[in-house]
Protein backbone atom coordinates (compact mmCIF):
# COMPACT_ATOMS: atom_id res chain seq x y z
CA MET A 1 29.28 9.76 -10.96
CA LYS A 2 31.65 7.42 -12.76
CA THR A 3 30.63 6.14 -16.18
CA ASN A 4 30.39 2.39 -16.64
CA MET A 5 29.02 2.24 -20.19
CA GLY A 6 31.03 2.31 -23.38
CA ASN A 7 29.98 4.16 -26.52
CA LEU A 8 28.84 1.00 -28.31
CA ASP A 9 26.68 0.01 -25.32
CA ARG A 10 25.15 3.49 -25.17
CA MET A 11 24.43 3.49 -28.91
CA ILE A 12 22.80 0.04 -28.79
CA ARG A 13 20.56 1.09 -25.87
CA PHE A 14 19.52 4.27 -27.67
CA LEU A 15 18.75 2.42 -30.91
CA LEU A 16 16.71 -0.20 -29.03
CA ALA A 17 14.74 2.57 -27.34
CA LEU A 18 14.13 4.16 -30.74
CA VAL A 19 12.94 0.89 -32.29
CA MET A 20 10.62 0.19 -29.35
CA GLY A 21 9.25 3.72 -29.63
CA LEU A 22 8.53 3.20 -33.32
CA LEU A 23 6.74 -0.07 -32.56
CA ILE A 24 4.45 1.78 -30.19
CA TYR A 25 4.01 4.77 -32.52
CA TYR A 26 2.96 2.61 -35.48
CA ASP A 27 0.62 0.47 -33.31
CA VAL A 28 2.56 -2.73 -33.81
CA VAL A 29 2.24 -3.35 -30.08
CA GLY A 30 -0.50 -2.11 -27.82
CA GLY A 31 -2.19 -2.52 -24.49
CA VAL A 32 -0.18 -3.45 -21.44
CA ILE A 33 2.87 -4.38 -23.50
CA SER A 34 3.13 -0.81 -24.81
CA TYR A 35 3.25 0.53 -21.25
CA ILE A 36 5.97 -1.95 -20.33
CA LEU A 37 7.93 -0.90 -23.42
CA LEU A 38 7.50 2.76 -22.49
CA ALA A 39 9.10 2.07 -19.12
CA ILE A 40 11.97 0.22 -20.78
CA ILE A 41 12.36 3.04 -23.32
CA GLY A 42 12.65 5.56 -20.50
CA ILE A 43 15.28 3.49 -18.70
CA PHE A 44 17.30 2.81 -21.86
CA ALA A 45 17.16 6.41 -23.05
CA LEU A 46 18.13 7.82 -19.66
CA THR A 47 20.99 5.41 -19.06
CA SER A 48 22.34 5.87 -22.58
CA LEU A 49 22.33 9.65 -22.23
CA VAL A 50 23.86 9.64 -18.74
CA GLY A 51 26.33 6.83 -19.43
CA PHE A 52 25.65 5.06 -16.14
CA CYS A 53 23.59 1.95 -15.48
CA PRO A 54 22.82 1.13 -11.83
CA PHE A 55 22.28 -2.52 -12.72
CA TYR A 56 25.82 -2.69 -14.15
CA ALA A 57 27.15 -1.14 -10.94
CA VAL A 58 25.41 -3.78 -8.80
CA LEU A 59 26.81 -6.60 -10.92
CA GLY A 60 30.25 -4.99 -11.24
CA TRP A 61 30.09 -4.82 -15.03
CA ASN A 62 31.90 -2.14 -16.99
CA THR A 63 31.72 -1.73 -20.77
CA PHE A 64 33.69 1.52 -20.69
CA SER A 65 37.26 0.98 -21.83
CA GLN A 66 39.79 3.49 -20.59
CA LYS A 67 42.80 4.34 -22.72
CA ARG A 68 46.11 4.00 -20.90
């Protein structure tokens, strides 16, 4: 599978997942919103670790810069 995410994009996704996780952990958000955030956390964490985002592939976006 070809990567389509650059390091900055991956880091931002991982940090957002971490912040959302902390919001849930410290009960800043709760109820249905916490379950929605958990789903987003899972998606962000997985895509940042793998380096591939299916949504980017559908739109044709690529944040990965290749050195020539």
